[in-house]
Amino acid sequence: MRGRRFLLFGTSAVATLVVLVFGSFQTAPGQRALASILSSAASTPERRVELGGITGFPTDLRVERIELADHKGPWLTVDDAHLRWSFTSLLSGRLRIETASAARVD
C-alpha cells in the first residue's frame, strides 16, 4: 500500500512539473527563456547558434530568426521560419509535418 501511494505521488509530481514547464513556454518570458536555453545548448566554442522570437511552441512553431555562425562569422541565417506539425502523429510512430517554410534563407 505504501509503495503504491509513493508511486502515485511521484507520478503526479512529475506530471504536474511537465504541465507547469510546458505552460511556462506559452508565455512571452518563457519563450524568450526557451530561445536562450536552446541557443546555449546548441552552441559550442567552435560554433554559435542564436534563436530569436520563438512563438507557437511546440506544434505551430515560429522563429523570427535563426543564425548559425563559426569563427569566420554567420554562415546560415533564416528569417521567419515556420514549422507546423501534428503531435498526435507521433502516436502512430510517424512525424507528420504540415508546414515547413521560411521567409528568407541566406
PDB file of N, CA and C in Angstrom:
ATOM      1  N   MET A   1       0.827  -1.197   0.000  1.00  0.00           N
ATOM      2  CA  MET A   1       0.000   0.000   0.000  1.00  0.00           C
ATOM      3  C   MET A   1       0.865   1.252   0.000  1.00  0.00           C
ATOM      4  N   ARG A   2       1.899   1.230   0.808  1.00  0.00           N
ATOM      5  CA  ARG A   2       2.780   2.391   0.903  1.00  0.00           C
ATOM      6  C   ARG A   2       3.508   2.648  -0.417  1.00  0.00           C
ATOM      7  N   GLY A   3       3.946   1.562  -1.078  1.00  0.00           N
ATOM      8  CA  GLY A   3       4.638   1.679  -2.358  1.00  0.00           C
ATOM      9  C   GLY A   3       3.731   2.239  -3.440  1.00  0.00           C
ATOM     10  N   ARG A   4       2.481   1.816  -3.442  1.00  0.00           N
ATOM     11  CA  ARG A   4       1.523   2.304  -4.424  1.00  0.00           C
ATOM     12  C   ARG A   4       1.267   3.802  -4.230  1.00  0.00           C
ATOM     13  N   ARG A   5       1.150   4.213  -2.982  1.00  0.00           N
ATOM     14  CA  ARG A   5       0.931   5.623  -2.662  1.00  0.00           C
ATOM     15  C   ARG A   5       2.141   6.464  -3.089  1.00  0.00           C
ATOM     16  N   PHE A   6       3.335   5.929  -2.841  1.00  0.00           N
ATOM     17  CA  PHE A   6       4.560   6.623  -3.242  1.00  0.00           C
ATOM     18  C   PHE A   6       4.632   6.752  -4.767  1.00  0.00           C
ATOM     19  N   LEU A   7       4.295   5.686  -5.490  1.00  0.00           N
ATOM     20  CA  LEU A   7       4.292   5.700  -6.947  1.00  0.00           C
ATOM     21  C   LEU A   7       3.275   6.706  -7.486  1.00  0.00           C
ATOM     22  N   LEU A   8       2.095   6.735  -6.904  1.00  0.00           N
ATOM     23  CA  LEU A   8       1.061   7.680  -7.320  1.00  0.00           C
ATOM     24  C   LEU A   8       1.505   9.115  -7.078  1.00  0.00           C
ATOM     25  N   PHE A   9       2.093   9.372  -5.906  1.00  0.00           N
ATOM     26  CA  PHE A   9       2.580  10.717  -5.601  1.00  0.00           C
ATOM     27  C   PHE A   9       3.699  11.125  -6.560  1.00  0.00           C
ATOM     28  N   GLY A  10       4.627  10.225  -6.828  1.00  0.00           N
ATOM     29  CA  GLY A  10       5.732  10.527  -7.735  1.00  0.00           C
ATOM     30  C   GLY A  10       5.247  10.808  -9.147  1.00  0.00           C
ATOM     31  N   THR A  11       4.330   9.998  -9.634  1.00  0.00           N
ATOM     32  CA  THR A  11       3.773  10.196 -10.976  1.00  0.00           C
ATOM     33  C   THR A  11       3.030  11.524 -11.059  1.00  0.00           C
ATOM     34  N   SER A  12       2.255  11.831 -10.036  1.00  0.00           N
ATOM     35  CA  SER A  12       1.523  13.105 -10.010  1.00  0.00           C
ATOM     36  C   SER A  12       2.474  14.299  -9.988  1.00  0.00           C
ATOM     37  N   ALA A  13       3.547  14.196  -9.219  1.00  0.00           N
ATOM     38  CA  ALA A  13       4.520  15.286  -9.139  1.00  0.00           C
ATOM     39  C   ALA A  13       5.201  15.513 -10.485  1.00  0.00           C
ATOM     40  N   VAL A  14       5.585  14.438 -11.166  1.00  0.00           N
ATOM     41  CA  VAL A  14       6.234  14.567 -12.474  1.00  0.00           C
ATOM     42  C   VAL A  14       5.259  15.157 -13.495  1.00  0.00           C
ATOM     43  N   ALA A  15       4.019  14.685 -13.494  1.00  0.00           N
ATOM     44  CA  ALA A  15       3.017  15.201 -14.432  1.00  0.00           C
ATOM     45  C   ALA A  15       2.754  16.684 -14.183  1.00  0.00           C
ATOM     46  N   THR A  16       2.666  17.076 -12.931  1.00  0.00           N
ATOM     47  CA  THR A  16       2.460  18.483 -12.592  1.00  0.00           C
ATOM     48  C   THR A  16       3.633  19.334 -13.050  1.00  0.00           C
ATOM     49  N   LEU A  17       4.840  18.852 -12.852  1.00  0.00           N
ATOM     50  CA  LEU A  17       6.031  19.582 -13.285  1.00  0.00           C
ATOM     51  C   LEU A  17       6.047  19.753 -14.804  1.00  0.00           C
ATOM     52  N   VAL A  18       5.706  18.700 -15.547  1.00  0.00           N
ATOM     53  CA  VAL A  18       5.677  18.774 -17.014  1.00  0.00           C
ATOM     54  C   VAL A  18       4.651  19.808 -17.470  1.00  0.00           C
ATOM     55  N   VAL A  19       3.473  19.801 -16.867  1.00  0.00           N
ATOM     56  CA  VAL A  19       2.423  20.757 -17.223  1.00  0.00           C
ATOM     57  C   VAL A  19       2.873  22.182 -16.918  1.00  0.00           C
ATOM     58  N   LEU A  20       3.508  22.405 -15.789  1.00  0.00           N
ATOM     59  CA  LEU A  20       3.973  23.746 -15.430  1.00  0.00           C
ATOM     60  C   LEU A  20       5.059  24.244 -16.381  1.00  0.00           C
ATOM     61  N   VAL A  21       6.003  23.386 -16.707  1.00  0.00           N
ATOM     62  CA  VAL A  21       7.077  23.779 -17.631  1.00  0.00           C
ATOM     63  C   VAL A  21       6.495  24.059 -19.012  1.00  0.00           C
ATOM     64  N   PHE A  22       5.649  23.166 -19.510  1.00  0.00           N
ATOM     65  CA  PHE A  22       5.022  23.374 -20.813  1.00  0.00           C
ATOM     66  C   PHE A  22       4.209  24.662 -20.818  1.00  0.00           C
ATOM     67  N   GLY A  23       3.445  24.902 -19.766  1.00  0.00           N
ATOM     68  CA  GLY A  23       2.648  26.127 -19.664  1.00  0.00           C
ATOM     69  C   GLY A  23       3.511  27.372 -19.639  1.00  0.00           C
ATOM     70  N   SER A  24       4.652  27.299 -18.976  1.00  0.00           N
ATOM     71  CA  SER A  24       5.522  28.480 -18.917  1.00  0.00           C
ATOM     72  C   SER A  24       6.090  28.822 -20.289  1.00  0.00           C
ATOM     73  N   PHE A  25       6.268  27.818 -21.166  1.00  0.00           N
ATOM     74  CA  PHE A  25       6.769  28.082 -22.514  1.00  0.00           C
ATOM     75  C   PHE A  25       5.712  28.713 -23.411  1.00  0.00           C
ATOM     76  N   GLN A  26       4.482  28.853 -22.929  1.00  0.00           N
ATOM     77  CA  GLN A  26       3.429  29.501 -23.703  1.00  0.00           C
ATOM     78  C   GLN A  26       3.363  31.008 -23.422  1.00  0.00           C
ATOM     79  N   THR A  27       4.178  31.491 -22.499  1.00  0.00           N
ATOM     80  CA  THR A  27       4.221  32.917 -22.178  1.00  0.00           C
ATOM     81  C   THR A  27       5.415  33.565 -22.871  1.00  0.00           C
ATOM     82  N   ALA A  28       5.359  34.887 -23.045  1.00  0.00           N
ATOM     83  CA  ALA A  28       6.465  35.603 -23.695  1.00  0.00           C
ATOM     84  C   ALA A  28       7.789  35.413 -22.948  1.00  0.00           C
ATOM     85  N   PRO A  29       7.833  35.583 -21.621  1.00  0.00           N
ATOM     86  CA  PRO A  29       9.103  35.351 -20.921  1.00  0.00           C
ATOM     87  C   PRO A  29       9.583  33.905 -21.046  1.00  0.00           C
ATOM     88  N   GLY A  30       8.655  32.949 -21.026  1.00  0.00           N
ATOM     89  CA  GLY A  30       9.021  31.549 -21.183  1.00  0.00           C
ATOM     90  C   GLY A  30       9.585  31.256 -22.559  1.00  0.00           C
ATOM     91  N   GLN A  31       9.035  31.896 -23.582  1.00  0.00           N
ATOM     92  CA  GLN A  31       9.525  31.701 -24.945  1.00  0.00           C
ATOM     93  C   GLN A  31      10.912  32.319 -25.122  1.00  0.00           C
ATOM     94  N   ARG A  32      11.147  33.465 -24.484  1.00  0.00           N
ATOM     95  CA  ARG A  32      12.491  34.062 -24.522  1.00  0.00           C
ATOM     96  C   ARG A  32      13.487  33.148 -23.806  1.00  0.00           C
ATOM     97  N   ALA A  33      13.062  32.587 -22.678  1.00  0.00           N
ATOM     98  CA  ALA A  33      13.930  31.662 -21.940  1.00  0.00           C
ATOM     99  C   ALA A  33      14.204  30.409 -22.770  1.00  0.00           C
ATOM    100  N   LEU A  34      13.184  29.905 -23.456  1.00  0.00           N
ATOM    101  CA  LEU A  34      13.359  28.727 -24.308  1.00  0.00           C
ATOM    102  C   LEU A  34      14.366  29.016 -25.420  1.00  0.00           C
ATOM    103  N   ALA A  35      14.263  30.180 -26.058  1.00  0.00           N
ATOM    104  CA  ALA A  35      15.218  30.554 -27.115  1.00  0.00           C
ATOM    105  C   ALA A  35      16.630  30.625 -26.549  1.00  0.00           C
ATOM    106  N   SER A  36      16.773  31.187 -25.372  1.00  0.00           N
ATOM    107  CA  SER A  36      18.087  31.293 -24.741  1.00  0.00           C
ATOM    108  C   SER A  36      18.645  29.913 -24.388  1.00  0.00           C
ATOM    109  N   ILE A  37      17.797  29.056 -23.830  1.00  0.00           N
ATOM    110  CA  ILE A  37      18.235  27.705 -23.457  1.00  0.00           C
ATOM    111  C   ILE A  37      18.666  26.917 -24.685  1.00  0.00           C
ATOM    112  N   LEU A  38      17.855  26.954 -25.740  1.00  0.00           N
ATOM    113  CA  LEU A  38      18.185  26.210 -26.956  1.00  0.00           C
ATOM    114  C   LEU A  38      19.438  26.762 -27.624  1.00  0.00           C
ATOM    115  N   SER A  39      19.590  28.092 -27.638  1.00  0.00           N
ATOM    116  CA  SER A  39      20.785  28.693 -28.219  1.00  0.00           C
ATOM    117  C   SER A  39      22.035  28.271 -27.466  1.00  0.00           C
ATOM    118  N   SER A  40      21.968  28.309 -26.158  1.00  0.00           N
ATOM    119  CA  SER A  40      23.114  27.917 -25.333  1.00  0.00           C
ATOM    120  C   SER A  40      23.442  26.440 -25.479  1.00  0.00           C
ATOM    121  N   ALA A  41      22.409  25.602 -25.514  1.00  0.00           N
ATOM    122  CA  ALA A  41      22.620  24.168 -25.601  1.00  0.00           C
ATOM    123  C   ALA A  41      23.236  23.763 -26.935  1.00  0.00           C
ATOM    124  N   ALA A  42      22.887  24.469 -28.000  1.00  0.00           N
ATOM    125  CA  ALA A  42      23.374  24.105 -29.334  1.00  0.00           C
ATOM    126  C   ALA A  42      24.716  24.749 -29.668  1.00  0.00           C
ATOM    127  N   SER A  43      25.121  25.756 -28.920  1.00  0.00           N
ATOM    128  CA  SER A  43      26.378  26.457 -29.196  1.00  0.00           C
ATOM    129  C   SER A  43      27.554  25.729 -28.552  1.00  0.00           C
ATOM    130  N   THR A  44      28.692  25.809 -29.226  1.00  0.00           N
ATOM    131  CA  THR A  44      29.948  25.255 -28.722  1.00  0.00           C
ATOM    132  C   THR A  44      31.021  26.322 -28.917  1.00  0.00           C
ATOM    133  N   PRO A  45      32.232  26.098 -28.429  1.00  0.00           N
ATOM    134  CA  PRO A  45      33.294  27.082 -28.679  1.00  0.00           C
ATOM    135  C   PRO A  45      33.575  27.285 -30.179  1.00  0.00           C
ATOM    136  N   GLU A  46      33.294  26.257 -30.995  1.00  0.00           N
ATOM    137  CA  GLU A  46      33.568  26.362 -32.432  1.00  0.00           C
ATOM    138  C   GLU A  46      32.407  26.957 -33.213  1.00  0.00           C
ATOM    139  N   ARG A  47      31.187  26.889 -32.673  1.00  0.00           N
ATOM    140  CA  ARG A  47      30.040  27.404 -33.411  1.00  0.00           C
ATOM    141  C   ARG A  47      29.069  28.115 -32.465  1.00  0.00           C
ATOM    142  N   ARG A  48      28.337  29.047 -33.049  1.00  0.00           N
ATOM    143  CA  ARG A  48      27.355  29.818 -32.286  1.00  0.00           C
ATOM    144  C   ARG A  48      25.995  29.630 -32.949  1.00  0.00           C
ATOM    145  N   VAL A  49      24.991  29.360 -32.144  1.00  0.00           N
ATOM    146  CA  VAL A  49      23.618  29.222 -32.616  1.00  0.00           C
ATOM    147  C   VAL A  49      22.788  30.246 -31.869  1.00  0.00           C
ATOM    148  N   GLU A  50      22.052  31.073 -32.617  1.00  0.00           N
ATOM    149  CA  GLU A  50      21.186  32.073 -31.993  1.00  0.00           C
ATOM    150  C   GLU A  50      19.776  31.912 -32.522  1.00  0.00           C
ATOM    151  N   LEU A  51      18.834  31.816 -31.598  1.00  0.00           N
ATOM    152  CA  LEU A  51      17.422  31.755 -31.935  1.00  0.00           C
ATOM    153  C   LEU A  51      16.747  32.967 -31.330  1.00  0.00           C
ATOM    154  N   GLY A  52      15.858  33.582 -32.065  1.00  0.00           N
ATOM    155  CA  GLY A  52      15.160  34.745 -31.537  1.00  0.00           C
ATOM    156  C   GLY A  52      13.701  34.750 -31.940  1.00  0.00           C
ATOM    157  N   GLY A  53      12.846  35.136 -31.034  1.00  0.00           N
ATOM    158  CA  GLY A  53      11.438  35.301 -31.324  1.00  0.00           C
ATOM    159  C   GLY A  53      10.680  34.004 -31.518  1.00  0.00           C
ATOM    160  N   ILE A  54      10.779  33.084 -30.560  1.00  0.00           N
ATOM    161  CA  ILE A  54      10.045  31.825 -30.647  1.00  0.00           C
ATOM    162  C   ILE A  54       8.607  32.048 -30.185  1.00  0.00           C
ATOM    163  N   THR A  55       7.649  31.588 -30.997  1.00  0.00           N
ATOM    164  CA  THR A  55       6.233  31.606 -30.621  1.00  0.00           C
ATOM    165  C   THR A  55       5.597  30.308 -31.101  1.00  0.00           C
ATOM    166  N   GLY A  56       4.434  29.992 -30.566  1.00  0.00           N
ATOM    167  CA  GLY A  56       3.679  28.834 -31.010  1.00  0.00           C
ATOM    168  C   GLY A  56       4.277  27.496 -30.627  1.00  0.00           C
ATOM    169  N   PHE A  57       5.087  27.457 -29.602  1.00  0.00           N
ATOM    170  CA  PHE A  57       5.728  26.216 -29.176  1.00  0.00           C
ATOM    171  C   PHE A  57       4.688  25.249 -28.656  1.00  0.00           C
ATOM    172  N   PRO A  58       4.683  24.003 -28.997  1.00  0.00           N
ATOM    173  CA  PRO A  58       5.582  23.276 -29.864  1.00  0.00           C
ATOM    174  C   PRO A  58       5.028  22.950 -31.256  1.00  0.00           C
ATOM    175  N   THR A  59       3.696  22.868 -31.442  1.00  0.00           N
ATOM    176  CA  THR A  59       3.175  22.305 -32.697  1.00  0.00           C
ATOM    177  C   THR A  59       2.979  23.302 -33.829  1.00  0.00           C
ATOM    178  N   ASP A  60       2.963  24.583 -33.548  1.00  0.00           N
ATOM    179  CA  ASP A  60       2.857  25.608 -34.589  1.00  0.00           C
ATOM    180  C   ASP A  60       3.997  26.599 -34.360  1.00  0.00           C
ATOM    181  N   LEU A  61       5.208  26.075 -34.470  1.00  0.00           N
ATOM    182  CA  LEU A  61       6.416  26.794 -34.081  1.00  0.00           C
ATOM    183  C   LEU A  61       6.804  27.860 -35.109  1.00  0.00           C
ATOM    184  N   ARG A  62       7.036  29.055 -34.630  1.00  0.00           N
ATOM    185  CA  ARG A  62       7.548  30.150 -35.459  1.00  0.00           C
ATOM    186  C   ARG A  62       8.789  30.712 -34.778  1.00  0.00           C
ATOM    187  N   VAL A  63       9.823  30.931 -35.567  1.00  0.00           N
ATOM    188  CA  VAL A  63      11.064  31.505 -35.049  1.00  0.00           C
ATOM    189  C   VAL A  63      11.411  32.686 -35.949  1.00  0.00           C
ATOM    190  N   GLU A  64      11.498  33.880 -35.349  1.00  0.00           N
ATOM    191  CA  GLU A  64      11.786  35.078 -36.134  1.00  0.00           C
ATOM    192  C   GLU A  64      13.144  35.010 -36.818  1.00  0.00           C
ATOM    193  N   ARG A  65      14.147  34.505 -36.082  1.00  0.00           N
ATOM    194  CA  ARG A  65      15.493  34.491 -36.659  1.00  0.00           C
ATOM    195  C   ARG A  65      16.292  33.309 -36.110  1.00  0.00           C
ATOM    196  N   ILE A  66      16.968  32.630 -37.020  1.00  0.00           N
ATOM    197  CA  ILE A  66      17.898  31.561 -36.675  1.00  0.00           C
ATOM    198  C   ILE A  66      19.217  31.919 -37.327  1.00  0.00           C
ATOM    199  N   GLU A  67      20.283  31.923 -36.546  1.00  0.00           N
ATOM    200  CA  GLU A  67      21.598  32.253 -37.101  1.00  0.00           C
ATOM    201  C   GLU A  67      22.621  31.240 -36.625  1.00  0.00           C
ATOM    202  N   LEU A  68      23.340  30.652 -37.574  1.00  0.00           N
ATOM    203  CA  LEU A  68      24.438  29.737 -37.271  1.00  0.00           C
ATOM    204  C   LEU A  68      25.727  30.413 -37.709  1.00  0.00           C
ATOM    205  N   ALA A  69      26.715  30.407 -36.835  1.00  0.00           N
ATOM    206  CA  ALA A  69      27.976  31.086 -37.127  1.00  0.00           C
ATOM    207  C   ALA A  69      29.138  30.278 -36.587  1.00  0.00           C
ATOM    208  N   ASP A  70      30.302  30.506 -37.188  1.00  0.00           N
ATOM    209  CA  ASP A  70      31.541  29.948 -36.667  1.00  0.00           C
ATOM    210  C   ASP A  70      32.508  31.104 -36.447  1.00  0.00           C
ATOM    211  N   HIS A  71      33.799  30.809 -36.310  1.00  0.00           N
ATOM    212  CA  HIS A  71      34.765  31.865 -36.013  1.00  0.00           C
ATOM    213  C   HIS A  71      34.904  32.869 -37.165  1.00  0.00           C
ATOM    214  N   LYS A  72      34.456  32.514 -38.365  1.00  0.00           N
ATOM    215  CA  LYS A  72      34.518  33.427 -39.511  1.00  0.00           C
ATOM    216  C   LYS A  72      33.281  34.308 -39.627  1.00  0.00           C
ATOM    217  N   GLY A  73      32.253  34.005 -38.865  1.00  0.00           N
ATOM    218  CA  GLY A  73      31.016  34.783 -38.919  1.00  0.00           C
ATOM    219  C   GLY A  73      29.824  33.914 -39.295  1.00  0.00           C
ATOM    220  N   PRO A  74      28.666  34.557 -39.491  1.00  0.00           N
ATOM    221  CA  PRO A  74      27.452  33.799 -39.810  1.00  0.00           C
ATOM    222  C   PRO A  74      27.560  33.098 -41.163  1.00  0.00           C
ATOM    223  N   TRP A  75      27.132  31.843 -41.208  1.00  0.00           N
ATOM    224  CA  TRP A  75      27.121  31.124 -42.472  1.00  0.00           C
ATOM    225  C   TRP A  75      25.721  30.642 -42.850  1.00  0.00           C
ATOM    226  N   LEU A  76      24.758  30.773 -41.929  1.00  0.00           N
ATOM    227  CA  LEU A  76      23.363  30.474 -42.241  1.00  0.00           C
ATOM    228  C   LEU A  76      22.470  31.401 -41.432  1.00  0.00           C
ATOM    229  N   THR A  77      21.568  32.076 -42.132  1.00  0.00           N
ATOM    230  CA  THR A  77      20.590  32.935 -41.481  1.00  0.00           C
ATOM    231  C   THR A  77      19.216  32.598 -42.049  1.00  0.00           C
ATOM    232  N   VAL A  78      18.263  32.349 -41.164  1.00  0.00           N
ATOM    233  CA  VAL A  78      16.897  32.037 -41.572  1.00  0.00           C
ATOM    234  C   VAL A  78      15.978  33.040 -40.883  1.00  0.00           C
ATOM    235  N   ASP A  79      15.154  33.710 -41.665  1.00  0.00           N
ATOM    236  CA  ASP A  79      14.191  34.672 -41.121  1.00  0.00           C
ATOM    237  C   ASP A  79      12.778  34.128 -41.249  1.00  0.00           C
ATOM    238  N   ASP A  80      11.980  34.350 -40.217  1.00  0.00           N
ATOM    239  CA  ASP A  80      10.567  33.954 -40.180  1.00  0.00           C
ATOM    240  C   ASP A  80      10.350  32.489 -40.536  1.00  0.00           C
ATOM    241  N   ALA A  81      11.006  31.609 -39.807  1.00  0.00           N
ATOM    242  CA  ALA A  81      10.828  30.168 -40.004  1.00  0.00           C
ATOM    243  C   ALA A  81       9.509  29.733 -39.371  1.00  0.00           C
ATOM    244  N   HIS A  82       8.837  28.799 -40.026  1.00  0.00           N
ATOM    245  CA  HIS A  82       7.552  28.309 -39.535  1.00  0.00           C
ATOM    246  C   HIS A  82       7.503  26.794 -39.710  1.00  0.00           C
ATOM    247  N   LEU A  83       7.173  26.095 -38.627  1.00  0.00           N
ATOM    248  CA  LEU A  83       7.041  24.647 -38.665  1.00  0.00           C
ATOM    249  C   LEU A  83       5.742  24.273 -37.964  1.00  0.00           C
ATOM    250  N   ARG A  84       4.821  23.674 -38.715  1.00  0.00           N
ATOM    251  CA  ARG A  84       3.568  23.190 -38.137  1.00  0.00           C
ATOM    252  C   ARG A  84       3.564  21.674 -38.306  1.00  0.00           C
ATOM    253  N   TRP A  85       3.378  20.973 -37.189  1.00  0.00           N
ATOM    254  CA  TRP A  85       3.397  19.514 -37.228  1.00  0.00           C
ATOM    255  C   TRP A  85       2.322  18.967 -36.307  1.00  0.00           C
ATOM    256  N   SER A  86       2.024  17.688 -36.502  1.00  0.00           N
ATOM    257  CA  SER A  86       0.971  17.025 -35.746  1.00  0.00           C
ATOM    258  C   SER A  86       1.569  16.226 -34.598  1.00  0.00           C
ATOM    259  N   PHE A  87       1.263  16.630 -33.385  1.00  0.00           N
ATOM    260  CA  PHE A  87       1.751  15.924 -32.205  1.00  0.00           C
ATOM    261  C   PHE A  87       1.167  14.521 -32.134  1.00  0.00           C
ATOM    262  N   THR A  88      -0.104  14.386 -32.502  1.00  0.00           N
ATOM    263  CA  THR A  88      -0.757  13.078 -32.415  1.00  0.00           C
ATOM    264  C   THR A  88      -0.196  12.088 -33.431  1.00  0.00           C
ATOM    265  N   SER A  89       0.446  12.573 -34.477  1.00  0.00           N
ATOM    266  CA  SER A  89       1.037  11.648 -35.453  1.00  0.00           C
ATOM    267  C   SER A  89       2.155  10.817 -34.827  1.00  0.00           C
ATOM    268  N   LEU A  90       2.752  11.318 -33.757  1.00  0.00           N
ATOM    269  CA  LEU A  90       3.805  10.564 -33.076  1.00  0.00           C
ATOM    270  C   LEU A  90       3.281   9.264 -32.475  1.00  0.00           C
ATOM    271  N   LEU A  91       1.995   9.231 -32.156  1.00  0.00           N
ATOM    272  CA  LEU A  91       1.405   8.021 -31.581  1.00  0.00           C
ATOM    273  C   LEU A  91       1.418   6.860 -32.576  1.00  0.00           C
ATOM    274  N   SER A  92       1.415   7.184 -33.870  1.00  0.00           N
ATOM    275  CA  SER A  92       1.467   6.136 -34.892  1.00  0.00           C
ATOM    276  C   SER A  92       2.897   5.804 -35.290  1.00  0.00           C
ATOM    277  N   GLY A  93       3.863   6.470 -34.667  1.00  0.00           N
ATOM    278  CA  GLY A  93       5.267   6.193 -34.969  1.00  0.00           C
ATOM    279  C   GLY A  93       5.798   6.985 -36.153  1.00  0.00           C
ATOM    280  N   ARG A  94       5.040   7.964 -36.616  1.00  0.00           N
ATOM    281  CA  ARG A  94       5.474   8.791 -37.739  1.00  0.00           C
ATOM    282  C   ARG A  94       5.312  10.256 -37.364  1.00  0.00           C
ATOM    283  N   LEU A  95       6.130  11.080 -37.960  1.00  0.00           N
ATOM    284  CA  LEU A  95       6.031  12.524 -37.759  1.00  0.00           C
ATOM    285  C   LEU A  95       5.392  13.130 -39.002  1.00  0.00           C
ATOM    286  N   ARG A  96       4.236  13.781 -38.830  1.00  0.00           N
ATOM    287  CA  ARG A  96       3.557  14.423 -39.955  1.00  0.00           C
ATOM    288  C   ARG A  96       3.784  15.925 -39.867  1.00  0.00           C
ATOM    289  N   ILE A  97       4.525  16.462 -40.846  1.00  0.00           N
ATOM    290  CA  ILE A  97       4.790  17.896 -40.910  1.00  0.00           C
ATOM    291  C   ILE A  97       3.845  18.504 -41.927  1.00  0.00           C
ATOM    292  N   GLU A  98       3.055  19.470 -41.478  1.00  0.00           N
ATOM    293  CA  GLU A  98       2.077  20.119 -42.349  1.00  0.00           C
ATOM    294  C   GLU A  98       2.685  21.303 -43.076  1.00  0.00           C
ATOM    295  N   THR A  99       3.538  22.079 -42.400  1.00  0.00           N
ATOM    296  CA  THR A  99       4.154  23.264 -42.984  1.00  0.00           C
ATOM    297  C   THR A  99       5.595  23.371 -42.514  1.00  0.00           C
ATOM    298  N   ALA A 100       6.488  23.607 -43.454  1.00  0.00           N
ATOM    299  CA  ALA A 100       7.874  23.950 -43.144  1.00  0.00           C
ATOM    300  C   ALA A 100       8.253  25.034 -44.131  1.00  0.00           C
ATOM    301  N   SER A 101       8.428  26.257 -43.618  1.00  0.00           N
ATOM    302  CA  SER A 101       8.692  27.381 -44.517  1.00  0.00           C
ATOM    303  C   SER A 101       9.572  28.417 -43.843  1.00  0.00           C
ATOM    304  N   ALA A 102      10.072  29.318 -44.659  1.00  0.00           N
ATOM    305  CA  ALA A 102      10.859  30.447 -44.156  1.00  0.00           C
ATOM    306  C   ALA A 102      10.691  31.597 -45.146  1.00  0.00           C
ATOM    307  N   ALA A 103      10.674  32.813 -44.626  1.00  0.00           N
ATOM    308  CA  ALA A 103      10.553  33.998 -45.492  1.00  0.00           C
ATOM    309  C   ALA A 103      11.850  34.210 -46.270  1.00  0.00           C
ATOM    310  N   ARG A 104      12.993  33.925 -45.601  1.00  0.00           N
ATOM    311  CA  ARG A 104      14.285  34.135 -46.242  1.00  0.00           C
ATOM    312  C   ARG A 104      15.322  33.191 -45.645  1.00  0.00           C
ATOM    313  N   VAL A 105      16.125  32.586 -46.508  1.00  0.00           N
ATOM    314  CA  VAL A 105      17.245  31.752 -46.081  1.00  0.00           C
ATOM    315  C   VAL A 105      18.479  32.282 -46.792  1.00  0.00           C
ATOM    316  N   ASP A 106      19.481  32.627 -46.033  1.00  0.00           N
ATOM    317  CA  ASP A 106      20.703  33.199 -46.614  1.00  0.00           C
ATOM    318  C   ASP A 106      21.897  32.396 -46.127  1.00  0.00           C
TER     319      ASP A 106
END
